[in-house]
């Protein structure tokens, strides 16, 4: 894992890790991004035992919007690559600790749980929110992603982990859509599985 740490010449501003948006536009808070990357570097180099950064932590990390901040697409792309690095390390550590066979058994177990939900009837794959005034995900959009995942897992139809990370669903309200938290948790597990076998 590399982070740009080139020293600036005296009197010059230190180089920015990422391009910034215009001063009147919103980007990610640079201080938060830099702190997180420092924590990730410390974990990667074995210097941070408490609050260690994992692939799951990378995936769930968010930053506050500020004017003139870092370009979100650039940061998101870097975090995707960082997540892949940590996922590969975690997979290798698990194989080394438990053996290849146990790791494959674990993958098969997780895959079975995910596929069981994918094979539920369209419109019935996830819970509906119990309250009518809360945002939810459009059912047809989530079901379309589920169909793509079935093709990926069972028919070897190409689908990248980035396609799942970047999935965007239309909005619904209340029980007209799927509960967002449950869909997000399912996709998190799916991304973990895809990252561990790619």
N, C-alpha and C. Protein backbone atom coordinates (compact mmCIF):
# COMPACT_ATOMS: atom_id res chain seq x y z
N UNK A 1 0.86 -1.19 0.00
CA UNK A 1 0.00 0.00 0.00
C UNK A 1 0.88 1.22 0.00
N UNK A 2 0.67 2.12 -0.91
CA UNK A 2 1.51 3.32 -0.99
C UNK A 2 0.65 4.55 -0.86
N UNK A 3 1.17 5.52 -0.16
CA UNK A 3 0.53 6.83 -0.05
C UNK A 3 1.57 7.86 -0.42
N UNK A 4 1.18 8.82 -1.21
CA UNK A 4 2.11 9.84 -1.66
C UNK A 4 2.60 10.67 -0.48
N UNK A 5 3.89 10.53 -0.17
CA UNK A 5 4.45 11.26 0.95
C UNK A 5 5.66 12.10 0.51
N UNK A 6 5.67 12.47 -0.75
CA UNK A 6 6.77 13.29 -1.24
C UNK A 6 6.86 14.57 -0.45
N UNK A 7 8.04 14.89 -0.01
CA UNK A 7 8.23 16.11 0.79
C UNK A 7 8.18 17.33 -0.12
N UNK A 8 7.52 18.36 0.37
CA UNK A 8 7.47 19.61 -0.38
C UNK A 8 8.74 20.40 -0.11
N UNK A 9 9.14 21.21 -1.06
CA UNK A 9 10.29 22.09 -0.85
C UNK A 9 9.91 23.18 0.15
N UNK A 10 10.86 23.72 0.87
CA UNK A 10 10.55 24.77 1.83
C UNK A 10 9.74 25.88 1.18
N UNK A 11 8.68 26.29 1.87
CA UNK A 11 7.84 27.37 1.36
C UNK A 11 6.75 26.91 0.42
N UNK A 12 6.76 25.58 0.07
CA UNK A 12 5.74 25.05 -0.82
C UNK A 12 4.72 24.26 -0.01
N UNK A 13 3.48 24.25 -0.49
CA UNK A 13 2.43 23.46 0.16
C UNK A 13 2.67 21.99 -0.12
N UNK A 14 2.44 21.14 0.87
CA UNK A 14 2.63 19.71 0.68
C UNK A 14 1.70 19.21 -0.42
N UNK A 15 2.15 18.24 -1.23
CA UNK A 15 1.31 17.76 -2.32
C UNK A 15 0.05 17.09 -1.78
N UNK A 16 -1.04 17.25 -2.50
CA UNK A 16 -2.32 16.68 -2.10
C UNK A 16 -2.37 15.22 -2.51
N UNK A 17 -3.01 14.39 -1.68
CA UNK A 17 -3.14 12.97 -2.00
C UNK A 17 -4.06 12.76 -3.20
N UNK A 18 -5.07 13.61 -3.34
CA UNK A 18 -6.06 13.47 -4.40
C UNK A 18 -6.38 14.84 -4.99
N UNK A 19 -6.87 14.85 -6.23
CA UNK A 19 -7.34 16.12 -6.79
C UNK A 19 -8.51 16.65 -5.96
N UNK A 20 -8.68 17.96 -5.97
CA UNK A 20 -9.79 18.58 -5.25
C UNK A 20 -10.85 19.08 -6.22
N UNK A 21 -12.07 19.13 -5.72
CA UNK A 21 -13.15 19.72 -6.52
C UNK A 21 -13.01 21.24 -6.45
N UNK A 22 -13.79 21.93 -7.26
CA UNK A 22 -13.76 23.40 -7.24
C UNK A 22 -14.16 23.91 -5.85
N UNK A 23 -13.71 25.13 -5.54
CA UNK A 23 -13.97 25.69 -4.20
C UNK A 23 -15.45 25.80 -3.87
N UNK A 24 -16.30 25.92 -4.89
CA UNK A 24 -17.73 26.05 -4.63
C UNK A 24 -18.47 24.72 -4.73
N UNK A 25 -17.74 23.61 -4.87
CA UNK A 25 -18.33 22.28 -4.94
C UNK A 25 -17.97 21.48 -3.70
N UNK A 26 -18.71 20.39 -3.48
CA UNK A 26 -18.48 19.57 -2.29
C UNK A 26 -17.69 18.32 -2.66
N UNK A 27 -16.68 18.06 -1.84
CA UNK A 27 -15.90 16.83 -1.96
C UNK A 27 -15.72 16.23 -0.58
N UNK A 28 -14.89 15.20 -0.48
CA UNK A 28 -14.66 14.55 0.81
C UNK A 28 -13.70 15.37 1.67
N UNK A 29 -13.97 15.40 2.96
CA UNK A 29 -13.13 16.13 3.92
C UNK A 29 -11.70 15.60 3.85
N UNK A 30 -10.74 16.42 3.40
CA UNK A 30 -9.36 15.94 3.24
C UNK A 30 -8.75 15.43 4.54
N UNK A 31 -9.01 16.11 5.66
CA UNK A 31 -8.41 15.69 6.93
C UNK A 31 -8.91 14.30 7.31
N UNK A 32 -10.20 14.03 7.10
CA UNK A 32 -10.74 12.71 7.42
C UNK A 32 -10.15 11.64 6.52
N UNK A 33 -10.04 11.94 5.23
CA UNK A 33 -9.47 10.98 4.29
C UNK A 33 -8.03 10.66 4.68
N UNK A 34 -7.26 11.68 4.97
CA UNK A 34 -5.85 11.47 5.30
C UNK A 34 -5.69 10.69 6.60
N UNK A 35 -6.54 10.99 7.61
CA UNK A 35 -6.46 10.24 8.86
C UNK A 35 -6.78 8.76 8.64
N UNK A 36 -7.79 8.51 7.82
CA UNK A 36 -8.15 7.12 7.57
C UNK A 36 -7.03 6.38 6.84
N UNK A 37 -6.44 7.02 5.85
CA UNK A 37 -5.37 6.37 5.11
C UNK A 37 -4.14 6.13 6.00
N UNK A 38 -3.89 7.03 6.93
CA UNK A 38 -2.80 6.82 7.88
C UNK A 38 -3.08 5.60 8.75
N UNK A 39 -4.34 5.46 9.21
CA UNK A 39 -4.71 4.30 10.02
C UNK A 39 -4.59 3.02 9.20
N UNK A 40 -5.00 3.08 7.92
CA UNK A 40 -4.90 1.91 7.06
C UNK A 40 -3.44 1.52 6.85
N UNK A 41 -2.59 2.52 6.65
CA UNK A 41 -1.17 2.24 6.48
C UNK A 41 -0.59 1.60 7.74
N UNK A 42 -0.97 2.12 8.90
CA UNK A 42 -0.45 1.57 10.16
C UNK A 42 -0.88 0.11 10.32
N UNK A 43 -2.13 -0.19 9.98
CA UNK A 43 -2.59 -1.58 10.05
C UNK A 43 -1.83 -2.45 9.08
N UNK A 44 -1.67 -1.97 7.86
CA UNK A 44 -0.99 -2.74 6.82
C UNK A 44 0.44 -3.07 7.23
N UNK A 45 1.08 -2.13 7.88
CA UNK A 45 2.48 -2.32 8.28
C UNK A 45 2.61 -2.95 9.66
N UNK A 46 1.48 -3.35 10.26
CA UNK A 46 1.52 -4.04 11.53
C UNK A 46 1.80 -3.16 12.72
N UNK A 47 1.51 -1.86 12.60
CA UNK A 47 1.82 -0.92 13.67
C UNK A 47 0.59 -0.59 14.52
N UNK A 48 -0.59 -1.09 14.14
CA UNK A 48 -1.81 -0.69 14.82
C UNK A 48 -2.60 -1.94 15.19
N UNK A 49 -2.63 -2.25 16.50
CA UNK A 49 -3.35 -3.43 16.97
C UNK A 49 -4.79 -3.09 17.29
N UNK A 50 -5.01 -1.94 17.93
CA UNK A 50 -6.36 -1.51 18.28
C UNK A 50 -7.02 -0.82 17.09
N UNK A 51 -8.33 -1.06 16.94
CA UNK A 51 -9.08 -0.44 15.84
C UNK A 51 -8.41 -0.68 14.49
N UNK A 52 -7.99 -1.91 14.29
CA UNK A 52 -7.32 -2.25 13.03
C UNK A 52 -8.28 -2.08 11.85
N UNK A 53 -7.74 -1.64 10.74
CA UNK A 53 -8.53 -1.47 9.53
C UNK A 53 -8.63 -2.82 8.82
N UNK A 54 -9.82 -3.20 8.42
CA UNK A 54 -10.06 -4.42 7.66
C UNK A 54 -10.75 -4.06 6.35
N UNK A 55 -10.91 -5.06 5.48
CA UNK A 55 -11.60 -4.80 4.22
C UNK A 55 -13.02 -4.33 4.48
N UNK A 56 -13.66 -4.89 5.50
CA UNK A 56 -15.03 -4.47 5.85
C UNK A 56 -15.06 -3.03 6.32
N UNK A 57 -14.07 -2.63 7.11
CA UNK A 57 -14.00 -1.25 7.60
C UNK A 57 -13.82 -0.30 6.42
N UNK A 58 -12.95 -0.68 5.48
CA UNK A 58 -12.72 0.17 4.30
C UNK A 58 -14.03 0.37 3.55
N UNK A 59 -14.76 -0.72 3.36
CA UNK A 59 -16.00 -0.65 2.57
C UNK A 59 -17.04 0.24 3.23
N UNK A 60 -17.09 0.26 4.56
CA UNK A 60 -18.14 1.01 5.26
C UNK A 60 -17.73 2.44 5.61
N UNK A 61 -16.50 2.82 5.30
CA UNK A 61 -16.02 4.14 5.68
C UNK A 61 -16.67 5.23 4.83
N UNK A 62 -17.09 6.29 5.48
CA UNK A 62 -17.65 7.45 4.79
C UNK A 62 -16.95 8.71 5.29
N UNK A 63 -17.01 9.75 4.50
CA UNK A 63 -16.38 11.02 4.85
C UNK A 63 -17.40 12.15 4.71
N UNK A 64 -17.23 13.16 5.54
CA UNK A 64 -18.13 14.31 5.48
C UNK A 64 -17.87 15.14 4.23
N UNK A 65 -18.92 15.72 3.64
CA UNK A 65 -18.72 16.61 2.49
C UNK A 65 -18.29 18.01 2.94
N UNK A 66 -17.29 18.56 2.26
CA UNK A 66 -16.85 19.93 2.53
C UNK A 66 -16.57 20.61 1.20
N UNK A 67 -16.69 21.92 1.17
CA UNK A 67 -16.40 22.66 -0.06
C UNK A 67 -14.91 22.58 -0.37
N UNK A 68 -14.60 22.32 -1.64
CA UNK A 68 -13.21 22.26 -2.05
C UNK A 68 -12.49 21.00 -1.59
N UNK A 69 -13.24 19.98 -1.21
CA UNK A 69 -12.63 18.75 -0.70
C UNK A 69 -12.07 17.87 -1.80
N UNK A 70 -11.64 16.68 -1.40
CA UNK A 70 -11.09 15.73 -2.36
C UNK A 70 -12.18 15.24 -3.31
N UNK A 71 -11.78 15.01 -4.56
CA UNK A 71 -12.68 14.50 -5.59
C UNK A 71 -13.20 13.12 -5.16
N UNK A 72 -14.52 12.97 -4.95
CA UNK A 72 -15.06 11.70 -4.43
C UNK A 72 -14.73 10.49 -5.29
N UNK A 73 -14.80 10.63 -6.61
CA UNK A 73 -14.53 9.47 -7.46
C UNK A 73 -13.10 8.97 -7.30
N UNK A 74 -12.17 9.89 -7.15
CA UNK A 74 -10.77 9.50 -6.98
C UNK A 74 -10.58 8.76 -5.65
N UNK A 75 -11.18 9.30 -4.60
CA UNK A 75 -11.06 8.66 -3.29
C UNK A 75 -11.76 7.31 -3.29
N UNK A 76 -12.96 7.24 -3.86
CA UNK A 76 -13.69 5.98 -3.90
C UNK A 76 -12.90 4.91 -4.66
N UNK A 77 -12.28 5.30 -5.76
CA UNK A 77 -11.48 4.34 -6.52
C UNK A 77 -10.30 3.82 -5.70
N UNK A 78 -9.65 4.74 -4.97
CA UNK A 78 -8.53 4.33 -4.12
C UNK A 78 -9.00 3.40 -3.00
N UNK A 79 -10.17 3.69 -2.43
CA UNK A 79 -10.69 2.83 -1.37
C UNK A 79 -11.07 1.45 -1.90
N UNK A 80 -11.59 1.40 -3.11
CA UNK A 80 -11.89 0.09 -3.71
C UNK A 80 -10.62 -0.75 -3.84
N UNK A 81 -9.55 -0.12 -4.32
CA UNK A 81 -8.29 -0.86 -4.47
C UNK A 81 -7.74 -1.26 -3.10
N UNK A 82 -7.90 -0.37 -2.12
CA UNK A 82 -7.44 -0.66 -0.78
C UNK A 82 -8.22 -1.82 -0.17
N UNK A 83 -9.51 -1.83 -0.40
CA UNK A 83 -10.34 -2.93 0.11
C UNK A 83 -9.89 -4.26 -0.50
N UNK A 84 -9.57 -4.26 -1.80
CA UNK A 84 -9.10 -5.48 -2.45
C UNK A 84 -7.80 -5.97 -1.83
N UNK A 85 -6.91 -5.05 -1.51
CA UNK A 85 -5.63 -5.42 -0.90
C UNK A 85 -5.86 -6.07 0.46
N UNK A 86 -6.70 -5.45 1.28
CA UNK A 86 -6.96 -6.02 2.61
C UNK A 86 -7.71 -7.34 2.51
N UNK A 87 -8.65 -7.46 1.56
CA UNK A 87 -9.38 -8.71 1.40
C UNK A 87 -8.44 -9.84 1.02
N UNK A 88 -7.48 -9.57 0.13
CA UNK A 88 -6.53 -10.59 -0.26
C UNK A 88 -5.64 -11.01 0.92
N UNK A 89 -5.21 -10.04 1.72
CA UNK A 89 -4.40 -10.36 2.90
C UNK A 89 -5.19 -11.20 3.90
N UNK A 90 -6.45 -10.83 4.09
CA UNK A 90 -7.29 -11.58 5.03
C UNK A 90 -7.52 -13.00 4.54
N UNK A 91 -7.75 -13.15 3.25
CA UNK A 91 -7.94 -14.48 2.68
C UNK A 91 -6.68 -15.32 2.86
N UNK A 92 -5.53 -14.75 2.54
CA UNK A 92 -4.27 -15.49 2.66
C UNK A 92 -3.98 -15.88 4.11
N UNK A 93 -4.30 -14.96 5.04
CA UNK A 93 -4.07 -15.25 6.46
C UNK A 93 -5.00 -16.39 6.91
N UNK A 94 -6.24 -16.38 6.43
CA UNK A 94 -7.18 -17.43 6.81
C UNK A 94 -6.74 -18.78 6.25
N UNK A 95 -6.29 -18.80 5.01
CA UNK A 95 -5.83 -20.05 4.41
C UNK A 95 -4.61 -20.58 5.16
N UNK A 96 -3.70 -19.68 5.51
CA UNK A 96 -2.50 -20.10 6.22
C UNK A 96 -2.83 -20.63 7.62
N UNK A 97 -3.82 -20.01 8.26
CA UNK A 97 -4.17 -20.40 9.63
C UNK A 97 -5.04 -21.65 9.67
N UNK A 98 -6.03 -21.74 8.76
CA UNK A 98 -7.00 -22.83 8.83
C UNK A 98 -6.83 -23.90 7.76
N UNK A 99 -6.05 -23.58 6.74
CA UNK A 99 -5.88 -24.52 5.64
C UNK A 99 -6.83 -24.24 4.49
N UNK A 100 -6.42 -24.64 3.29
CA UNK A 100 -7.19 -24.37 2.09
C UNK A 100 -8.58 -25.02 2.15
N UNK A 101 -8.65 -26.24 2.69
CA UNK A 101 -9.92 -26.95 2.71
C UNK A 101 -10.94 -26.25 3.59
N UNK A 102 -10.53 -25.82 4.78
CA UNK A 102 -11.45 -25.11 5.67
C UNK A 102 -11.91 -23.80 5.06
N UNK A 103 -10.98 -23.12 4.38
CA UNK A 103 -11.35 -21.86 3.74
C UNK A 103 -12.41 -22.10 2.67
N UNK A 104 -12.24 -23.15 1.87
CA UNK A 104 -13.20 -23.47 0.82
C UNK A 104 -14.55 -23.83 1.44
N UNK A 105 -14.53 -24.56 2.56
CA UNK A 105 -15.78 -24.90 3.24
C UNK A 105 -16.50 -23.64 3.71
N UNK A 106 -15.74 -22.67 4.24
CA UNK A 106 -16.34 -21.42 4.68
C UNK A 106 -16.95 -20.65 3.53
N UNK A 107 -16.25 -20.62 2.40
CA UNK A 107 -16.77 -19.95 1.21
C UNK A 107 -18.06 -20.61 0.75
N UNK A 108 -18.08 -21.94 0.75
CA UNK A 108 -19.27 -22.67 0.31
C UNK A 108 -20.46 -22.38 1.24
N UNK A 109 -20.19 -22.29 2.53
CA UNK A 109 -21.26 -22.02 3.49
C UNK A 109 -21.86 -20.64 3.27
N UNK A 110 -21.01 -19.63 3.15
CA UNK A 110 -21.50 -18.27 2.91
C UNK A 110 -22.24 -18.19 1.59
N UNK A 111 -21.68 -18.83 0.56
CA UNK A 111 -22.30 -18.82 -0.75
C UNK A 111 -23.69 -19.45 -0.69
N UNK A 112 -23.83 -20.54 0.07
CA UNK A 112 -25.13 -21.20 0.18
C UNK A 112 -26.18 -20.30 0.82
N UNK A 113 -25.78 -19.57 1.86
CA UNK A 113 -26.71 -18.66 2.54
C UNK A 113 -27.15 -17.55 1.59
N UNK A 114 -26.19 -16.97 0.87
CA UNK A 114 -26.51 -15.88 -0.05
C UNK A 114 -27.40 -16.36 -1.19
N UNK A 115 -27.08 -17.51 -1.73
CA UNK A 115 -27.84 -18.03 -2.87
C UNK A 115 -29.27 -18.40 -2.47
N UNK A 116 -29.44 -18.85 -1.22
CA UNK A 116 -30.79 -19.17 -0.76
C UNK A 116 -31.69 -17.94 -0.82
N UNK A 117 -31.14 -16.77 -0.42
CA UNK A 117 -31.94 -15.55 -0.50
C UNK A 117 -32.15 -15.13 -1.95
N UNK A 118 -31.12 -15.27 -2.77
CA UNK A 118 -31.26 -14.88 -4.17
C UNK A 118 -32.36 -15.66 -4.87
N UNK A 119 -32.59 -16.90 -4.43
CA UNK A 119 -33.58 -17.74 -5.10
C UNK A 119 -34.99 -17.58 -4.55
N UNK A 120 -35.17 -16.64 -3.63
CA UNK A 120 -36.53 -16.33 -3.22
C UNK A 120 -37.26 -15.67 -4.39
N UNK A 121 -38.58 -15.68 -4.30
CA UNK A 121 -39.39 -15.09 -5.37
C UNK A 121 -39.11 -13.59 -5.49
N UNK A 122 -39.03 -13.07 -6.70
CA UNK A 122 -38.89 -11.61 -6.87
C UNK A 122 -39.99 -10.89 -6.09
N UNK A 123 -39.59 -9.82 -5.43
CA UNK A 123 -40.51 -9.07 -4.59
C UNK A 123 -40.58 -9.58 -3.17
N UNK A 124 -39.94 -10.75 -2.91
CA UNK A 124 -39.98 -11.36 -1.58
C UNK A 124 -38.58 -11.62 -1.04
N UNK A 125 -37.58 -11.03 -1.65
CA UNK A 125 -36.21 -11.37 -1.26
C UNK A 125 -35.75 -10.69 0.02
N UNK A 126 -36.34 -9.54 0.35
CA UNK A 126 -35.94 -8.79 1.54
C UNK A 126 -37.17 -8.26 2.26
N UNK A 127 -36.97 -7.86 3.51
CA UNK A 127 -38.06 -7.29 4.30
C UNK A 127 -38.55 -5.98 3.71
N UNK A 128 -39.79 -5.64 4.04
CA UNK A 128 -40.33 -4.32 3.76
C UNK A 128 -40.26 -3.50 5.05
N UNK A 129 -39.96 -2.23 4.98
CA UNK A 129 -39.96 -1.41 6.20
C UNK A 129 -41.31 -1.44 6.89
N UNK A 130 -41.28 -1.40 8.22
CA UNK A 130 -42.53 -1.46 8.98
C UNK A 130 -43.23 -0.11 9.02
N UNK A 131 -42.49 0.95 8.73
CA UNK A 131 -43.10 2.28 8.73
C UNK A 131 -43.25 2.79 7.30
N UNK A 132 -44.32 3.50 7.04
CA UNK A 132 -44.61 3.93 5.68
C UNK A 132 -43.84 5.17 5.26
N UNK A 133 -43.30 5.92 6.23
CA UNK A 133 -42.68 7.20 5.89
C UNK A 133 -41.15 7.14 5.85
N UNK A 134 -40.57 5.94 5.73
CA UNK A 134 -39.11 5.83 5.67
C UNK A 134 -38.70 5.46 4.25
N UNK A 135 -37.55 5.96 3.79
CA UNK A 135 -37.08 5.60 2.45
C UNK A 135 -36.77 4.11 2.37
N UNK A 136 -36.97 3.55 1.19
CA UNK A 136 -36.63 2.15 0.93
C UNK A 136 -36.11 2.05 -0.50
N UNK A 137 -35.58 0.87 -0.84
CA UNK A 137 -35.03 0.66 -2.18
C UNK A 137 -36.10 0.11 -3.12
N UNK A 138 -36.09 0.60 -4.36
CA UNK A 138 -37.04 0.13 -5.36
C UNK A 138 -36.86 -1.37 -5.58
N UNK A 139 -37.93 -2.11 -5.44
CA UNK A 139 -37.87 -3.57 -5.49
C UNK A 139 -37.34 -4.07 -6.83
N UNK A 140 -37.81 -3.48 -7.92
CA UNK A 140 -37.38 -3.98 -9.23
C UNK A 140 -35.89 -3.79 -9.46
N UNK A 141 -35.31 -2.72 -8.91
CA UNK A 141 -33.88 -2.48 -9.07
C UNK A 141 -33.05 -3.49 -8.28
N UNK A 142 -33.46 -3.74 -7.03
CA UNK A 142 -32.75 -4.71 -6.20
C UNK A 142 -32.88 -6.12 -6.80
N UNK A 143 -34.08 -6.46 -7.23
CA UNK A 143 -34.28 -7.78 -7.83
C UNK A 143 -33.44 -7.95 -9.09
N UNK A 144 -33.27 -6.88 -9.86
CA UNK A 144 -32.44 -6.96 -11.07
C UNK A 144 -30.99 -7.27 -10.70
N UNK A 145 -30.48 -6.65 -9.62
CA UNK A 145 -29.14 -6.97 -9.17
C UNK A 145 -29.05 -8.40 -8.67
N UNK A 146 -30.08 -8.87 -7.97
CA UNK A 146 -30.10 -10.26 -7.50
C UNK A 146 -30.03 -11.22 -8.68
N UNK A 147 -30.75 -10.92 -9.76
CA UNK A 147 -30.72 -11.78 -10.95
C UNK A 147 -29.31 -11.80 -11.55
N UNK A 148 -28.64 -10.66 -11.55
CA UNK A 148 -27.26 -10.62 -12.06
C UNK A 148 -26.33 -11.45 -11.17
N UNK A 149 -26.57 -11.42 -9.86
CA UNK A 149 -25.75 -12.21 -8.95
C UNK A 149 -25.97 -13.71 -9.15
N UNK A 150 -27.20 -14.11 -9.41
CA UNK A 150 -27.46 -15.52 -9.71
C UNK A 150 -26.68 -15.93 -10.95
N UNK A 151 -26.72 -15.10 -11.99
CA UNK A 151 -25.97 -15.40 -13.21
C UNK A 151 -24.47 -15.50 -12.93
N UNK A 152 -23.98 -14.63 -12.05
CA UNK A 152 -22.55 -14.64 -11.71
C UNK A 152 -22.17 -15.91 -10.95
N UNK A 153 -22.94 -16.24 -9.93
CA UNK A 153 -22.59 -17.38 -9.08
C UNK A 153 -22.85 -18.73 -9.75
N UNK A 154 -23.87 -18.81 -10.60
CA UNK A 154 -24.30 -20.11 -11.10
C UNK A 154 -24.07 -20.31 -12.59
N UNK A 155 -23.88 -19.24 -13.34
CA UNK A 155 -23.74 -19.39 -14.79
C UNK A 155 -22.44 -18.78 -15.31
N UNK A 156 -21.58 -18.35 -14.38
CA UNK A 156 -20.28 -17.76 -14.74
C UNK A 156 -20.41 -16.55 -15.66
N UNK A 157 -21.52 -15.82 -15.51
CA UNK A 157 -21.66 -14.57 -16.27
C UNK A 157 -20.82 -13.51 -15.57
N UNK A 158 -19.94 -12.83 -16.31
CA UNK A 158 -19.04 -11.86 -15.66
C UNK A 158 -19.78 -10.77 -14.90
N UNK A 159 -19.29 -10.49 -13.71
CA UNK A 159 -19.79 -9.40 -12.88
C UNK A 159 -18.66 -9.03 -11.94
N UNK A 160 -18.23 -7.78 -11.97
CA UNK A 160 -17.11 -7.38 -11.12
C UNK A 160 -17.61 -6.96 -9.75
N UNK A 161 -16.72 -7.07 -8.78
CA UNK A 161 -17.08 -6.63 -7.43
C UNK A 161 -17.39 -5.14 -7.43
N UNK A 162 -16.76 -4.38 -8.33
CA UNK A 162 -17.05 -2.95 -8.42
C UNK A 162 -18.48 -2.70 -8.91
N UNK A 163 -19.00 -3.60 -9.76
CA UNK A 163 -20.39 -3.45 -10.20
C UNK A 163 -21.34 -3.52 -9.01
N UNK A 164 -21.02 -4.38 -8.06
CA UNK A 164 -21.87 -4.51 -6.87
C UNK A 164 -21.64 -3.34 -5.93
N UNK A 165 -20.38 -2.95 -5.76
CA UNK A 165 -20.08 -1.81 -4.89
C UNK A 165 -20.80 -0.55 -5.35
N UNK A 166 -20.88 -0.36 -6.64
CA UNK A 166 -21.41 0.88 -7.19
C UNK A 166 -22.90 0.79 -7.54
N UNK A 167 -23.54 -0.29 -7.14
CA UNK A 167 -24.96 -0.46 -7.46
C UNK A 167 -25.77 0.70 -6.88
N UNK A 168 -26.65 1.23 -7.68
CA UNK A 168 -27.53 2.33 -7.26
C UNK A 168 -28.97 1.86 -7.49
N UNK A 169 -29.80 2.04 -6.46
CA UNK A 169 -31.19 1.61 -6.55
C UNK A 169 -32.11 2.83 -6.47
N UNK A 170 -33.18 2.76 -7.23
CA UNK A 170 -34.18 3.81 -7.15
C UNK A 170 -34.80 3.85 -5.76
N UNK A 171 -35.47 4.98 -5.46
CA UNK A 171 -36.04 5.16 -4.14
C UNK A 171 -37.52 4.82 -4.14
N UNK A 172 -37.96 4.24 -3.03
CA UNK A 172 -39.37 4.00 -2.76
C UNK A 172 -39.65 4.50 -1.36
N UNK A 173 -40.86 4.37 -0.92
CA UNK A 173 -41.21 4.77 0.44
C UNK A 173 -41.89 3.63 1.16
N UNK A 174 -41.43 3.38 2.39
CA UNK A 174 -42.05 2.38 3.24
C UNK A 174 -42.12 1.02 2.60
N UNK A 175 -43.27 0.33 2.78
CA UNK A 175 -43.38 -1.05 2.33
C UNK A 175 -43.58 -1.18 0.82
N UNK A 176 -43.46 -0.07 0.10
CA UNK A 176 -43.44 -0.15 -1.36
C UNK A 176 -42.07 -0.59 -1.87
N UNK A 177 -41.07 -0.62 -0.97
CA UNK A 177 -39.72 -1.04 -1.36
C UNK A 177 -39.14 -2.00 -0.34
N UNK A 178 -37.87 -2.38 -0.58
CA UNK A 178 -37.15 -3.24 0.35
C UNK A 178 -36.47 -2.39 1.43
N UNK A 179 -36.35 -2.95 2.63
CA UNK A 179 -35.66 -2.26 3.72
C UNK A 179 -34.19 -2.05 3.38
N UNK A 180 -33.73 -0.82 3.44
CA UNK A 180 -32.38 -0.49 2.99
C UNK A 180 -31.30 -1.22 3.79
N UNK A 181 -31.44 -1.25 5.12
CA UNK A 181 -30.39 -1.86 5.94
C UNK A 181 -30.19 -3.33 5.62
N UNK A 182 -31.27 -4.05 5.38
CA UNK A 182 -31.13 -5.47 5.10
C UNK A 182 -30.49 -5.69 3.73
N UNK A 183 -30.88 -4.90 2.74
CA UNK A 183 -30.25 -5.01 1.42
C UNK A 183 -28.76 -4.67 1.51
N UNK A 184 -28.44 -3.60 2.23
CA UNK A 184 -27.03 -3.19 2.35
C UNK A 184 -26.20 -4.28 3.03
N UNK A 185 -26.75 -4.89 4.08
CA UNK A 185 -26.02 -5.95 4.79
C UNK A 185 -25.80 -7.15 3.87
N UNK A 186 -26.81 -7.49 3.08
CA UNK A 186 -26.66 -8.60 2.14
C UNK A 186 -25.57 -8.30 1.10
N UNK A 187 -25.59 -7.09 0.56
CA UNK A 187 -24.59 -6.73 -0.44
C UNK A 187 -23.20 -6.68 0.17
N UNK A 188 -23.08 -6.28 1.43
CA UNK A 188 -21.78 -6.31 2.10
C UNK A 188 -21.23 -7.73 2.13
N UNK A 189 -22.06 -8.69 2.52
CA UNK A 189 -21.61 -10.08 2.56
C UNK A 189 -21.25 -10.58 1.17
N UNK A 190 -22.03 -10.15 0.18
CA UNK A 190 -21.76 -10.57 -1.20
C UNK A 190 -20.43 -10.02 -1.67
N UNK A 191 -20.17 -8.76 -1.37
CA UNK A 191 -18.89 -8.15 -1.77
C UNK A 191 -17.74 -8.85 -1.07
N UNK A 192 -17.89 -9.16 0.21
CA UNK A 192 -16.84 -9.89 0.93
C UNK A 192 -16.54 -11.21 0.25
N UNK A 193 -17.60 -11.93 -0.14
CA UNK A 193 -17.41 -13.22 -0.79
C UNK A 193 -16.73 -13.05 -2.15
N UNK A 194 -17.21 -12.12 -2.95
CA UNK A 194 -16.62 -11.92 -4.27
C UNK A 194 -15.17 -11.49 -4.17
N UNK A 195 -14.85 -10.61 -3.22
CA UNK A 195 -13.48 -10.15 -3.06
C UNK A 195 -12.56 -11.27 -2.61
N UNK A 196 -13.10 -12.22 -1.85
CA UNK A 196 -12.27 -13.29 -1.31
C UNK A 196 -11.98 -14.38 -2.33
N UNK A 197 -12.78 -14.47 -3.38
CA UNK A 197 -12.57 -15.54 -4.37
C UNK A 197 -12.01 -15.01 -5.68
N UNK A 198 -11.98 -13.70 -5.88
CA UNK A 198 -11.43 -13.15 -7.13
C UNK A 198 -9.91 -13.21 -7.13
